Amino acid sequence: MKLAPLLLALAISATPATAAPRRDSHAFLNQGRWWGVNVSGMEFKNELPVKPQDIDFYADAGAKSIRLPVKRSRLQTPEKLAALDALIRRGTARGMLMVIDEHSYGNIGDPDIRDFWLRMGRRYRGQPLVAFDLQNEPKGGTWVSWGPDARDLIHALRKAGVDNQLILEWRGWSGFGRADRGEHPKKACESALCSLNRAGIFTLADLDPLKRTWLSPHRYFNRGGSGATPECRPYPPTGPLGNSVKAARKLGMRLYVGEFAFGRAKTVPLTCKAMVDDIVAFFRNTPEVVGGAAWGWGPRWSKTYLFRGESIGDRNKSWDTENGRLIRSLWAK
């Protein structure tokens, strides 16, 4: 072989890998269904009452995700971080999506929240089964500031190399009705979509360079959707997530239902029984919905709490209650 062709052949063989596109190690998250429960306790007490064996209790029942509410102010010591690590390791080893939820109701533009997630990002980046729910039901700021603040936080995390799946809630208790209210251009914003659009955010790529952010509505079924009372009120034909789905479609995003509840271990109200099959079907059959976490599980709740999921005494009986069976019906393949 002449020298020139030889050099050309060597050059071709040395072309970086193959110029093939890199596989997205997180793509499977949008292809799966990540239904599970909120395991509360870490947001209420200085100690961490949730143990690794608790994670097995939910995994054994079929849960595919666990949302762990925490307060950043209570995750400051090596011991508490190590305890959280143990829960994350146990859940991811069982193939569950572990969602760390910053449950302080803060302003998403707060520098302390950014610093907290930069710290968590350094700890858990490179782990596709660890997701960050950036701020539970954020307060503070305004609708005008929420959209830019959310974008700036997400961009700061991506610039720092944080590659985890992110979950974004909005003002107004992250209620489904505040996702998109169709505000006229001359009217003040009162919804997540309006705030994002007026910040120049019209697609997922505008919000997140890695396109790894889900929107997270919370959906309780009483009048007003507050979750302050247990009864269910009939929902409009748009479905139990209503305009949250509409907003997600406009942005090209998916939804992770961070909180919802049908009842408690001992009872499901008659008004909820009348509509729960439709709700479960809607959750399971809406392509934009990738999963969610039922509220009221974990060891923290009192026996009288209106959404306590676990049975008192023998927690294994939790799955045999009417409420437990309804929750698990979402997990069936």
C-alpha atoms as a PDB file:
ATOM      1  CA  MET A   1       0.000   0.000   0.000  1.00  0.00           C
ATOM      2  CA  LYS A   2       1.308   3.493  -0.855  1.00  0.00           C
ATOM      3  CA  LEU A   3       1.992   5.924   2.004  1.00  0.00           C
ATOM      4  CA  ALA A   4      -0.821   8.384   1.249  1.00  0.00           C
ATOM      5  CA  PRO A   5      -3.588   5.755   1.234  1.00  0.00           C
ATOM      6  CA  LEU A   6      -2.076   4.251   4.370  1.00  0.00           C
ATOM      7  CA  LEU A   7      -2.199   7.593   6.174  1.00  0.00           C
ATOM      8  CA  LEU A   8      -5.771   8.112   4.996  1.00  0.00           C
ATOM      9  CA  ALA A   9      -6.777   4.704   6.322  1.00  0.00           C
ATOM     10  CA  LEU A  10      -5.141   5.441   9.672  1.00  0.00           C
ATOM     11  CA  ALA A  11      -6.877   8.797   9.857  1.00  0.00           C
ATOM     12  CA  ILE A  12     -10.270   7.211   9.216  1.00  0.00           C
ATOM     13  CA  SER A  13      -9.678   4.523  11.824  1.00  0.00           C
ATOM     14  CA  ALA A  14      -8.768   7.211  14.367  1.00  0.00           C
ATOM     15  CA  THR A  15     -11.899   9.273  13.776  1.00  0.00           C
ATOM     16  CA  PRO A  16     -13.491   9.763  17.167  1.00  0.00           C
ATOM     17  CA  ALA A  17     -15.604   7.034  18.053  1.00  0.00           C
ATOM     18  CA  THR A  18     -17.284   6.511  15.529  1.00  0.00           C
ATOM     19  CA  ALA A  19     -19.106   9.754  15.225  1.00  0.00           C
ATOM     20  CA  ALA A  20     -22.200   7.885  16.399  1.00  0.00           C
ATOM     21  CA  PRO A  21     -24.510   9.834  18.694  1.00  0.00           C
ATOM     22  CA  ARG A  22     -24.106   9.204  22.402  1.00  0.00           C
ATOM     23  CA  ARG A  23     -26.848   7.158  23.987  1.00  0.00           C
ATOM     24  CA  ASP A  24     -28.874   9.065  26.554  1.00  0.00           C
ATOM     25  CA  SER A  25     -28.398   7.124  29.784  1.00  0.00           C
ATOM     26  CA  HIS A  26     -31.590   8.685  31.169  1.00  0.00           C
ATOM     27  CA  ALA A  27     -33.864   8.030  28.181  1.00  0.00           C
ATOM     28  CA  PHE A  28     -35.437   4.979  29.843  1.00  0.00           C
ATOM     29  CA  LEU A  29     -37.068   7.260  32.427  1.00  0.00           C
ATOM     30  CA  ASN A  30     -39.478   8.649  29.829  1.00  0.00           C
ATOM     31  CA  GLN A  31     -40.241   5.167  28.543  1.00  0.00           C
ATOM     32  CA  GLY A  32     -41.186   3.666  31.901  1.00  0.00           C
ATOM     33  CA  ARG A  33     -43.971   4.243  34.394  1.00  0.00           C
ATOM     34  CA  TRP A  34     -42.760   5.304  37.824  1.00  0.00           C
ATOM     35  CA  TRP A  35     -45.657   4.898  40.236  1.00  0.00           C
ATOM     36  CA  GLY A  36     -45.123   4.701  43.959  1.00  0.00           C
ATOM     37  CA  VAL A  37     -45.629   6.529  47.231  1.00  0.00           C
ATOM     38  CA  ASN A  38     -44.440   9.489  49.256  1.00  0.00           C
ATOM     39  CA  VAL A  39     -42.567   8.177  52.288  1.00  0.00           C
ATOM     40  CA  SER A  40     -42.863  10.994  54.801  1.00  0.00           C
ATOM     41  CA  GLY A  41     -41.007  11.475  58.051  1.00  0.00           C
ATOM     42  CA  MET A  42     -37.743  13.106  57.023  1.00  0.00           C
ATOM     43  CA  GLU A  43     -39.408  16.499  56.640  1.00  0.00           C
ATOM     44  CA  PHE A  44     -40.949  16.450  60.119  1.00  0.00           C
ATOM     45  CA  LYS A  45     -38.181  15.430  62.483  1.00  0.00           C
ATOM     46  CA  ASN A  46     -34.520  16.135  63.007  1.00  0.00           C
ATOM     47  CA  GLU A  47     -33.795  12.429  63.112  1.00  0.00           C
ATOM     48  CA  LEU A  48     -34.482  10.346  60.012  1.00  0.00           C
ATOM     49  CA  PRO A  49     -37.188   7.842  60.986  1.00  0.00           C
ATOM     50  CA  VAL A  50     -37.188   6.113  57.577  1.00  0.00           C
ATOM     51  CA  LYS A  51     -34.901   3.069  57.397  1.00  0.00           C
ATOM     52  CA  PRO A  52     -33.593   0.981  54.475  1.00  0.00           C
ATOM     53  CA  GLN A  53     -35.932  -1.865  55.404  1.00  0.00           C
ATOM     54  CA  ASP A  54     -38.832   0.566  54.889  1.00  0.00           C
ATOM     55  CA  ILE A  55     -37.750   0.902  51.278  1.00  0.00           C
ATOM     56  CA  ASP A  56     -37.983  -2.878  50.885  1.00  0.00           C
ATOM     57  CA  PHE A  57     -41.557  -2.771  52.224  1.00  0.00           C
ATOM     58  CA  TYR A  58     -42.655  -0.601  49.284  1.00  0.00           C
ATOM     59  CA  ALA A  59     -40.483  -2.322  46.689  1.00  0.00           C
ATOM     60  CA  ASP A  60     -41.814  -5.732  47.690  1.00  0.00           C
ATOM     61  CA  ALA A  61     -45.340  -4.429  47.104  1.00  0.00           C
ATOM     62  CA  GLY A  62     -44.439  -3.315  43.575  1.00  0.00           C
ATOM     63  CA  ALA A  63     -43.673   0.392  43.915  1.00  0.00           C
ATOM     64  CA  LYS A  64     -41.445   1.762  41.146  1.00  0.00           C
ATOM     65  CA  SER A  65     -40.698   5.143  42.717  1.00  0.00           C
ATOM     66  CA  ILE A  66     -40.435   6.710  46.140  1.00  0.00           C
ATOM     67  CA  ARG A  67     -40.658  10.433  46.758  1.00  0.00           C
ATOM     68  CA  LEU A  68     -38.716  11.317  49.907  1.00  0.00           C
ATOM     69  CA  PRO A  69     -39.739  14.699  51.367  1.00  0.00           C
ATOM     70  CA  VAL A  70     -36.783  16.299  53.171  1.00  0.00           C
ATOM     71  CA  LYS A  71     -35.884  19.716  54.524  1.00  0.00           C
ATOM     72  CA  ARG A  72     -32.500  20.991  53.425  1.00  0.00           C
ATOM     73  CA  SER A  73     -31.925  22.556  56.845  1.00  0.00           C
ATOM     74  CA  ARG A  74     -32.001  19.046  58.348  1.00  0.00           C
ATOM     75  CA  LEU A  75     -29.485  17.499  55.968  1.00  0.00           C
ATOM     76  CA  GLN A  76     -26.403  19.319  57.184  1.00  0.00           C
ATOM     77  CA  THR A  77     -24.434  16.648  59.045  1.00  0.00           C
ATOM     78  CA  PRO A  78     -22.443  13.702  57.684  1.00  0.00           C
ATOM     79  CA  GLU A  79     -24.606  11.316  59.711  1.00  0.00           C
ATOM     80  CA  LYS A  80     -27.872  12.502  58.157  1.00  0.00           C
ATOM     81  CA  LEU A  81     -26.431  12.513  54.668  1.00  0.00           C
ATOM     82  CA  ALA A  82     -25.161   8.986  55.222  1.00  0.00           C
ATOM     83  CA  ALA A  83     -28.645   7.930  56.341  1.00  0.00           C
ATOM     84  CA  LEU A  84     -30.107   9.414  53.155  1.00  0.00           C
ATOM     85  CA  ASP A  85     -27.413   7.653  51.123  1.00  0.00           C
ATOM     86  CA  ALA A  86     -28.472   4.327  52.632  1.00  0.00           C
ATOM     87  CA  LEU A  87     -32.083   4.864  51.542  1.00  0.00           C
ATOM     88  CA  ILE A  88     -31.028   5.895  48.047  1.00  0.00           C
ATOM     89  CA  ARG A  89     -28.737   2.883  47.683  1.00  0.00           C
ATOM     90  CA  ARG A  90     -31.440   0.472  48.815  1.00  0.00           C
ATOM     91  CA  GLY A  91     -34.056   1.948  46.475  1.00  0.00           C
ATOM     92  CA  THR A  92     -31.897   2.186  43.375  1.00  0.00           C
ATOM     93  CA  ALA A  93     -30.619  -1.342  43.968  1.00  0.00           C
ATOM     94  CA  ARG A  94     -34.272  -2.424  43.782  1.00  0.00           C
ATOM     95  CA  GLY A  95     -34.668  -0.549  40.477  1.00  0.00           C
ATOM     96  CA  MET A  96     -36.813   2.233  41.925  1.00  0.00           C
ATOM     97  CA  LEU A  97     -36.674   5.896  40.995  1.00  0.00           C
ATOM     98  CA  MET A  98     -35.742   7.711  44.195  1.00  0.00           C
ATOM     99  CA  VAL A  99     -37.034  11.295  44.217  1.00  0.00           C
ATOM    100  CA  ILE A 100     -35.435  13.648  46.741  1.00  0.00           C
ATOM    101  CA  ASP A 101     -38.065  16.327  47.387  1.00  0.00           C
ATOM    102  CA  GLU A 102     -36.964  19.614  48.977  1.00  0.00           C
ATOM    103  CA  HIS A 103     -40.046  20.122  51.133  1.00  0.00           C
ATOM    104  CA  SER A 104     -39.478  23.565  52.641  1.00  0.00           C
ATOM    105  CA  TYR A 105     -42.054  25.523  50.587  1.00  0.00           C
ATOM    106  CA  GLY A 106     -39.355  28.049  49.709  1.00  0.00           C
ATOM    107  CA  ASN A 107     -38.836  30.491  46.864  1.00  0.00           C
ATOM    108  CA  ILE A 108     -37.237  28.572  44.002  1.00  0.00           C
ATOM    109  CA  GLY A 109     -35.022  31.596  43.337  1.00  0.00           C
ATOM    110  CA  ASP A 110     -33.481  31.382  46.827  1.00  0.00           C
ATOM    111  CA  PRO A 111     -29.662  31.003  46.637  1.00  0.00           C
ATOM    112  CA  ASP A 112     -29.844  28.478  49.484  1.00  0.00           C
ATOM    113  CA  ILE A 113     -31.960  26.174  47.311  1.00  0.00           C
ATOM    114  CA  ARG A 114     -29.461  26.459  44.454  1.00  0.00           C
ATOM    115  CA  ASP A 115     -26.579  25.699  46.816  1.00  0.00           C
ATOM    116  CA  PHE A 116     -28.428  22.716  48.286  1.00  0.00           C
ATOM    117  CA  TRP A 117     -28.990  21.164  44.852  1.00  0.00           C
ATOM    118  CA  LEU A 118     -25.430  21.836  43.764  1.00  0.00           C
ATOM    119  CA  ARG A 119     -24.356  19.892  46.841  1.00  0.00           C
ATOM    120  CA  MET A 120     -26.823  17.084  46.149  1.00  0.00           C
ATOM    121  CA  GLY A 121     -25.759  17.097  42.514  1.00  0.00           C
ATOM    122  CA  ARG A 122     -22.153  16.499  43.437  1.00  0.00           C
ATOM    123  CA  ARG A 123     -23.300  13.645  45.633  1.00  0.00           C
ATOM    124  CA  TYR A 124     -25.678  11.876  43.240  1.00  0.00           C
ATOM    125  CA  ARG A 125     -24.877  12.908  39.670  1.00  0.00           C
ATOM    126  CA  GLY A 126     -24.300  10.040  37.304  1.00  0.00           C
ATOM    127  CA  GLN A 127     -27.132   8.075  38.967  1.00  0.00           C
ATOM    128  CA  PRO A 128     -30.126   8.028  36.599  1.00  0.00           C
ATOM    129  CA  LEU A 129     -32.424   6.564  39.271  1.00  0.00           C
ATOM    130  CA  VAL A 130     -31.946   9.568  41.572  1.00  0.00           C
ATOM    131  CA  ALA A 131     -34.201  12.524  40.719  1.00  0.00           C
ATOM    132  CA  PHE A 132     -34.408  15.978  42.318  1.00  0.00           C
ATOM    133  CA  ASP A 133     -37.797  17.595  43.046  1.00  0.00           C
ATOM    134  CA  LEU A 134     -36.451  21.128  43.199  1.00  0.00           C
ATOM    135  CA  GLN A 135     -38.965  22.731  45.564  1.00  0.00           C
ATOM    136  CA  ASN A 136     -42.219  21.449  46.982  1.00  0.00           C
ATOM    137  CA  GLU A 137     -45.134  23.841  46.395  1.00  0.00           C
ATOM    138  CA  PRO A 138     -42.897  26.924  46.233  1.00  0.00           C
ATOM    139  CA  LYS A 139     -43.900  30.139  47.914  1.00  0.00           C
ATOM    140  CA  GLY A 140     -42.243  33.525  47.836  1.00  0.00           C
ATOM    141  CA  GLY A 141     -41.434  35.520  44.752  1.00  0.00           C
ATOM    142  CA  THR A 142     -44.154  36.195  42.181  1.00  0.00           C
ATOM    143  CA  TRP A 143     -45.550  34.531  39.091  1.00  0.00           C
ATOM    144  CA  VAL A 144     -43.400  36.926  37.072  1.00  0.00           C
ATOM    145  CA  SER A 145     -40.224  35.720  38.817  1.00  0.00           C
ATOM    146  CA  TRP A 146     -41.042  32.014  39.121  1.00  0.00           C
ATOM    147  CA  GLY A 147     -40.410  31.070  35.469  1.00  0.00           C
ATOM    148  CA  PRO A 148     -37.050  32.865  35.104  1.00  0.00           C
ATOM    149  CA  ASP A 149     -35.961  31.638  38.536  1.00  0.00           C
ATOM    150  CA  ALA A 150     -36.786  28.037  37.610  1.00  0.00           C
ATOM    151  CA  ARG A 151     -34.855  28.317  34.345  1.00  0.00           C
ATOM    152  CA  ASP A 152     -31.873  29.960  36.039  1.00  0.00           C
ATOM    153  CA  LEU A 153     -31.713  27.254  38.710  1.00  0.00           C
ATOM    154  CA  ILE A 154     -31.892  24.453  36.154  1.00  0.00           C
ATOM    155  CA  HIS A 155     -29.261  26.073  33.925  1.00  0.00           C
ATOM    156  CA  ALA A 156     -26.951  26.588  36.919  1.00  0.00           C
ATOM    157  CA  LEU A 157     -27.221  22.906  37.826  1.00  0.00           C
ATOM    158  CA  ARG A 158     -26.548  21.792  34.267  1.00  0.00           C
ATOM    159  CA  LYS A 159     -23.565  24.151  33.978  1.00  0.00           C
ATOM    160  CA  ALA A 160     -22.155  22.529  37.128  1.00  0.00           C
ATOM    161  CA  GLY A 161     -22.455  19.063  35.595  1.00  0.00           C
ATOM    162  CA  VAL A 162     -25.566  17.921  37.468  1.00  0.00           C
ATOM    163  CA  ASP A 163     -27.156  15.409  35.085  1.00  0.00           C
ATOM    164  CA  ASN A 164     -29.995  14.012  37.228  1.00  0.00           C
ATOM    165  CA  GLN A 165     -33.642  14.027  36.239  1.00  0.00           C
ATOM    166  CA  LEU A 166     -35.237  17.206  37.627  1.00  0.00           C
ATOM    167  CA  ILE A 167     -38.841  17.694  38.738  1.00  0.00           C
ATOM    168  CA  LEU A 168     -40.412  21.147  38.718  1.00  0.00           C
ATOM    169  CA  GLU A 169     -43.362  22.351  40.791  1.00  0.00           C
ATOM    170  CA  TRP A 170     -44.991  25.760  40.617  1.00  0.00           C
ATOM    171  CA  ARG A 171     -46.612  28.371  42.791  1.00  0.00           C
ATOM    172  CA  GLY A 172     -50.181  27.920  43.966  1.00  0.00           C
ATOM    173  CA  TRP A 173     -49.482  24.578  45.697  1.00  0.00           C
ATOM    174  CA  SER A 174     -48.461  23.116  42.333  1.00  0.00           C
ATOM    175  CA  GLY A 175     -52.177  22.611  41.789  1.00  0.00           C
ATOM    176  CA  PHE A 176     -53.280  21.207  38.435  1.00  0.00           C
ATOM    177  CA  GLY A 177     -55.421  24.311  37.864  1.00  0.00           C
ATOM    178  CA  ARG A 178     -52.394  26.603  38.022  1.00  0.00           C
ATOM    179  CA  ALA A 179     -50.503  24.892  35.205  1.00  0.00           C
ATOM    180  CA  ASP A 180     -52.149  26.857  32.385  1.00  0.00           C
ATOM    181  CA  ARG A 181     -54.917  29.404  32.792  1.00  0.00           C
ATOM    182  CA  GLY A 182     -54.778  30.845  29.285  1.00  0.00           C
ATOM    183  CA  GLU A 183     -53.982  34.382  30.429  1.00  0.00           C
ATOM    184  CA  HIS A 184     -54.466  37.172  27.901  1.00  0.00           C
ATOM    185  CA  PRO A 185     -51.136  38.868  27.026  1.00  0.00           C
ATOM    186  CA  LYS A 186     -52.262  42.035  28.807  1.00  0.00           C
ATOM    187  CA  LYS A 187     -53.273  40.188  31.984  1.00  0.00           C
ATOM    188  CA  ALA A 188     -51.016  39.313  34.904  1.00  0.00           C
ATOM    189  CA  CYS A 189     -49.662  35.759  35.041  1.00  0.00           C
ATOM    190  CA  GLU A 190     -51.363  33.308  37.364  1.00  0.00           C
ATOM    191  CA  SER A 191     -50.013  30.042  35.986  1.00  0.00           C
ATOM    192  CA  ALA A 192     -46.826  28.124  35.324  1.00  0.00           C
ATOM    193  CA  LEU A 193     -47.130  28.134  31.525  1.00  0.00           C
ATOM    194  CA  CYS A 194     -47.705  31.878  31.406  1.00  0.00           C
ATOM    195  CA  SER A 195     -44.698  32.550  33.635  1.00  0.00           C
ATOM    196  CA  LEU A 196     -42.470  30.319  31.514  1.00  0.00           C
ATOM    197  CA  ASN A 197     -43.685  31.721  28.209  1.00  0.00           C
ATOM    198  CA  ARG A 198     -43.176  35.325  29.261  1.00  0.00           C
ATOM    199  CA  ALA A 199     -39.604  34.409  30.194  1.00  0.00           C
ATOM    200  CA  GLY A 200     -39.076  33.145  26.646  1.00  0.00           C
ATOM    201  CA  ILE A 201     -39.461  29.483  27.586  1.00  0.00           C
ATOM    202  CA  PHE A 202     -41.647  27.696  25.033  1.00  0.00           C
ATOM    203  CA  THR A 203     -40.064  24.237  24.916  1.00  0.00           C
ATOM    204  CA  LEU A 204     -38.367  21.815  27.253  1.00  0.00           C
ATOM    205  CA  ALA A 205     -35.029  22.635  25.612  1.00  0.00           C
ATOM    206  CA  ASP A 206     -35.498  26.313  26.537  1.00  0.00           C
ATOM    207  CA  LEU A 207     -35.946  25.296  30.166  1.00  0.00           C
ATOM    208  CA  ASP A 208     -33.367  22.524  30.411  1.00  0.00           C
ATOM    209  CA  PRO A 209     -30.398  22.082  28.044  1.00  0.00           C
ATOM    210  CA  LEU A 210     -30.385  18.341  28.803  1.00  0.00           C
ATOM    211  CA  LYS A 211     -34.175  18.065  28.386  1.00  0.00           C
ATOM    212  CA  ARG A 212     -34.432  16.116  31.645  1.00  0.00           C
ATOM    213  CA  THR A 213     -37.087  18.021  33.579  1.00  0.00           C
ATOM    214  CA  TRP A 214     -40.622  16.868  34.356  1.00  0.00           C
ATOM    215  CA  LEU A 215     -43.473  19.082  35.503  1.00  0.00           C
ATOM    216  CA  SER A 216     -45.075  17.995  38.767  1.00  0.00           C
ATOM    217  CA  PRO A 217     -48.735  18.760  39.459  1.00  0.00           C
ATOM    218  CA  HIS A 218     -50.295  17.811  42.771  1.00  0.00           C
ATOM    219  CA  ARG A 219     -53.813  16.466  42.523  1.00  0.00           C
ATOM    220  CA  TYR A 220     -56.239  16.108  45.399  1.00  0.00           C
ATOM    221  CA  PHE A 221     -59.858  15.605  44.498  1.00  0.00           C
ATOM    222  CA  ASN A 222     -61.792  17.723  46.989  1.00  0.00           C
ATOM    223  CA  ARG A 223     -63.298  21.061  45.999  1.00  0.00           C
ATOM    224  CA  GLY A 224     -60.432  23.393  45.128  1.00  0.00           C
ATOM    225  CA  GLY A 225     -57.915  20.526  45.143  1.00  0.00           C
ATOM    226  CA  SER A 226     -56.355  21.552  48.458  1.00  0.00           C
ATOM    227  CA  GLY A 227     -56.273  18.100  50.057  1.00  0.00           C
ATOM    228  CA  ALA A 228     -57.617  19.626  53.266  1.00  0.00           C
ATOM    229  CA  THR A 229     -60.695  17.378  53.225  1.00  0.00           C
ATOM    230  CA  PRO A 230     -61.023  13.757  52.121  1.00  0.00           C
ATOM    231  CA  GLU A 231     -64.022  13.770  49.775  1.00  0.00           C
ATOM    232  CA  CYS A 232     -63.744  13.676  45.984  1.00  0.00           C
ATOM    233  CA  ARG A 233     -65.521  16.159  43.767  1.00  0.00           C
ATOM    234  CA  PRO A 234     -66.362  15.319  40.149  1.00  0.00           C
ATOM    235  CA  TYR A 235     -63.754  16.680  37.769  1.00  0.00           C
ATOM    236  CA  PRO A 236     -64.300  18.245  34.345  1.00  0.00           C
ATOM    237  CA  PRO A 237     -64.107  16.218  31.126  1.00  0.00           C
ATOM    238  CA  THR A 238     -60.504  17.326  30.607  1.00  0.00           C
ATOM    239  CA  GLY A 239     -59.562  14.725  33.196  1.00  0.00           C
ATOM    240  CA  PRO A 240     -58.162  14.658  36.705  1.00  0.00           C
ATOM    241  CA  LEU A 241     -55.029  16.566  35.680  1.00  0.00           C
ATOM    242  CA  GLY A 242     -56.896  18.986  33.440  1.00  0.00           C
ATOM    243  CA  ASN A 243     -54.744  21.750  32.116  1.00  0.00           C
ATOM    244  CA  SER A 244     -51.527  20.254  33.511  1.00  0.00           C
ATOM    245  CA  VAL A 245     -51.664  17.872  30.553  1.00  0.00           C
ATOM    246  CA  LYS A 246     -52.400  20.776  28.229  1.00  0.00           C
ATOM    247  CA  ALA A 247     -49.388  22.720  29.527  1.00  0.00           C
ATOM    248  CA  ALA A 248     -47.141  19.667  29.222  1.00  0.00           C
ATOM    249  CA  ARG A 249     -48.182  19.146  25.602  1.00  0.00           C
ATOM    250  CA  LYS A 250     -47.460  22.755  24.704  1.00  0.00           C
ATOM    251  CA  LEU A 251     -43.987  22.558  26.225  1.00  0.00           C
ATOM    252  CA  GLY A 252     -43.199  19.027  25.047  1.00  0.00           C
ATOM    253  CA  MET A 253     -42.797  17.852  28.642  1.00  0.00           C
ATOM    254  CA  ARG A 254     -43.914  14.954  30.839  1.00  0.00           C
ATOM    255  CA  LEU A 255     -45.730  14.928  34.177  1.00  0.00           C
ATOM    256  CA  TYR A 256     -44.806  13.244  37.447  1.00  0.00           C
ATOM    257  CA  VAL A 257     -47.783  13.562  39.832  1.00  0.00           C
ATOM    258  CA  GLY A 258     -45.877  14.369  42.999  1.00  0.00           C
ATOM    259  CA  GLU A 259     -48.871  14.046  45.340  1.00  0.00           C
ATOM    260  CA  PHE A 260     -52.343  12.549  45.101  1.00  0.00           C
ATOM    261  CA  ALA A 261     -54.583  10.591  47.478  1.00  0.00           C
ATOM    262  CA  PHE A 262     -57.840   8.649  47.392  1.00  0.00           C
ATOM    263  CA  GLY A 263     -58.410   8.060  51.108  1.00  0.00           C
ATOM    264  CA  ARG A 264     -56.700   6.410  54.067  1.00  0.00           C
ATOM    265  CA  ALA A 265     -56.007   2.889  55.213  1.00  0.00           C
ATOM    266  CA  LYS A 266     -59.376   2.345  56.875  1.00  0.00           C
ATOM    267  CA  THR A 267     -61.653   4.029  54.393  1.00  0.00           C
ATOM    268  CA  VAL A 268     -62.126   5.535  50.959  1.00  0.00           C
ATOM    269  CA  PRO A 269     -65.001   8.052  50.857  1.00  0.00           C
ATOM    270  CA  LEU A 270     -67.988   7.049  48.746  1.00  0.00           C
ATOM    271  CA  THR A 271     -67.495  10.102  46.569  1.00  0.00           C
ATOM    272  CA  CYS A 272     -63.988   8.865  45.723  1.00  0.00           C
ATOM    273  CA  LYS A 273     -65.101   5.293  45.073  1.00  0.00           C
ATOM    274  CA  ALA A 274     -67.517   6.636  42.479  1.00  0.00           C
ATOM    275  CA  MET A 275     -64.748   8.098  40.329  1.00  0.00           C
ATOM    276  CA  VAL A 276     -61.538   6.335  41.221  1.00  0.00           C
ATOM    277  CA  ASP A 277     -61.630   3.859  38.314  1.00  0.00           C
ATOM    278  CA  ASP A 278     -61.751   6.768  35.877  1.00  0.00           C
ATOM    279  CA  ILE A 279     -58.893   8.516  37.693  1.00  0.00           C
ATOM    280  CA  VAL A 280     -56.688   5.428  37.652  1.00  0.00           C
ATOM    281  CA  ALA A 281     -57.431   4.857  33.964  1.00  0.00           C
ATOM    282  CA  PHE A 282     -56.614   8.456  33.143  1.00  0.00           C
ATOM    283  CA  PHE A 283     -53.340   8.314  35.057  1.00  0.00           C
ATOM    284  CA  ARG A 284     -52.321   5.070  33.385  1.00  0.00           C
ATOM    285  CA  ASN A 285     -53.400   5.909  29.841  1.00  0.00           C
ATOM    286  CA  THR A 286     -52.290   9.528  29.429  1.00  0.00           C
ATOM    287  CA  PRO A 287     -48.951   9.470  27.551  1.00  0.00           C
ATOM    288  CA  GLU A 288     -47.672  12.627  29.222  1.00  0.00           C
ATOM    289  CA  VAL A 289     -47.914  11.042  32.684  1.00  0.00           C
ATOM    290  CA  VAL A 290     -44.773   9.081  33.554  1.00  0.00           C
ATOM    291  CA  GLY A 291     -45.808   8.234  37.112  1.00  0.00           C
ATOM    292  CA  GLY A 292     -46.333   9.741  40.512  1.00  0.00           C
ATOM    293  CA  ALA A 293     -46.413   9.159  44.238  1.00  0.00           C
ATOM    294  CA  ALA A 294     -49.446   8.677  46.480  1.00  0.00           C
ATOM    295  CA  TRP A 295     -49.413  10.948  49.510  1.00  0.00           C
ATOM    296  CA  GLY A 296     -49.663   9.879  53.126  1.00  0.00           C
ATOM    297  CA  TRP A 297     -47.308   6.904  53.425  1.00  0.00           C
ATOM    298  CA  GLY A 298     -44.404   6.437  55.789  1.00  0.00           C
ATOM    299  CA  PRO A 299     -44.108   6.038  59.567  1.00  0.00           C
ATOM    300  CA  ARG A 300     -44.748   9.647  60.562  1.00  0.00           C
ATOM    301  CA  TRP A 301     -48.521  10.003  60.278  1.00  0.00           C
ATOM    302  CA  SER A 302     -50.984   9.702  63.178  1.00  0.00           C
ATOM    303  CA  LYS A 303     -53.717   7.092  63.093  1.00  0.00           C
ATOM    304  CA  THR A 304     -56.325   9.807  62.483  1.00  0.00           C
ATOM    305  CA  TYR A 305     -54.593  11.515  59.548  1.00  0.00           C
ATOM    306  CA  LEU A 306     -57.066  11.719  56.665  1.00  0.00           C
ATOM    307  CA  PHE A 307     -54.595  10.326  54.110  1.00  0.00           C
ATOM    308  CA  ARG A 308     -52.569   7.917  56.235  1.00  0.00           C
ATOM    309  CA  GLY A 309     -51.835   5.002  53.926  1.00  0.00           C
ATOM    310  CA  GLU A 310     -50.373   2.466  56.332  1.00  0.00           C
ATOM    311  CA  SER A 311     -52.350   0.260  58.669  1.00  0.00           C
ATOM    312  CA  ILE A 312     -51.691   0.639  62.375  1.00  0.00           C
ATOM    313  CA  GLY A 313     -50.121  -2.380  64.049  1.00  0.00           C
ATOM    314  CA  ASP A 314     -49.439  -4.629  61.070  1.00  0.00           C
ATOM    315  CA  ARG A 315     -48.259  -2.484  58.184  1.00  0.00           C
ATOM    316  CA  ASN A 316     -48.322  -5.483  55.821  1.00  0.00           C
ATOM    317  CA  LYS A 317     -52.107  -5.245  55.922  1.00  0.00           C
ATOM    318  CA  SER A 318     -51.840  -1.818  54.281  1.00  0.00           C
ATOM    319  CA  TRP A 319     -51.963  -3.373  50.829  1.00  0.00           C
ATOM    320  CA  ASP A 320     -55.128  -5.331  51.627  1.00  0.00           C
ATOM    321  CA  THR A 321     -57.161  -2.220  52.423  1.00  0.00           C
ATOM    322  CA  GLU A 322     -59.396  -0.632  49.829  1.00  0.00           C
ATOM    323  CA  ASN A 323     -57.052   2.345  49.615  1.00  0.00           C
ATOM    324  CA  GLY A 324     -53.987   0.128  49.332  1.00  0.00           C
ATOM    325  CA  ARG A 325     -55.538  -1.890  46.508  1.00  0.00           C
ATOM    326  CA  LEU A 326     -56.430   1.297  44.628  1.00  0.00           C
ATOM    327  CA  ILE A 327     -52.897   2.629  44.922  1.00  0.00           C
ATOM    328  CA  ARG A 328     -51.396  -0.647  43.756  1.00  0.00           C
ATOM    329  CA  SER A 329     -53.786  -0.828  40.792  1.00  0.00           C
ATOM    330  CA  LEU A 330     -51.688   1.947  39.280  1.00  0.00           C
ATOM    331  CA  TRP A 331     -48.581  -0.211  39.542  1.00  0.00           C
ATOM    332  CA  ALA A 332     -49.905  -3.140  37.528  1.00  0.00           C
ATOM    333  CA  LYS A 333     -48.217  -3.587  34.153  1.00  0.00           C
END
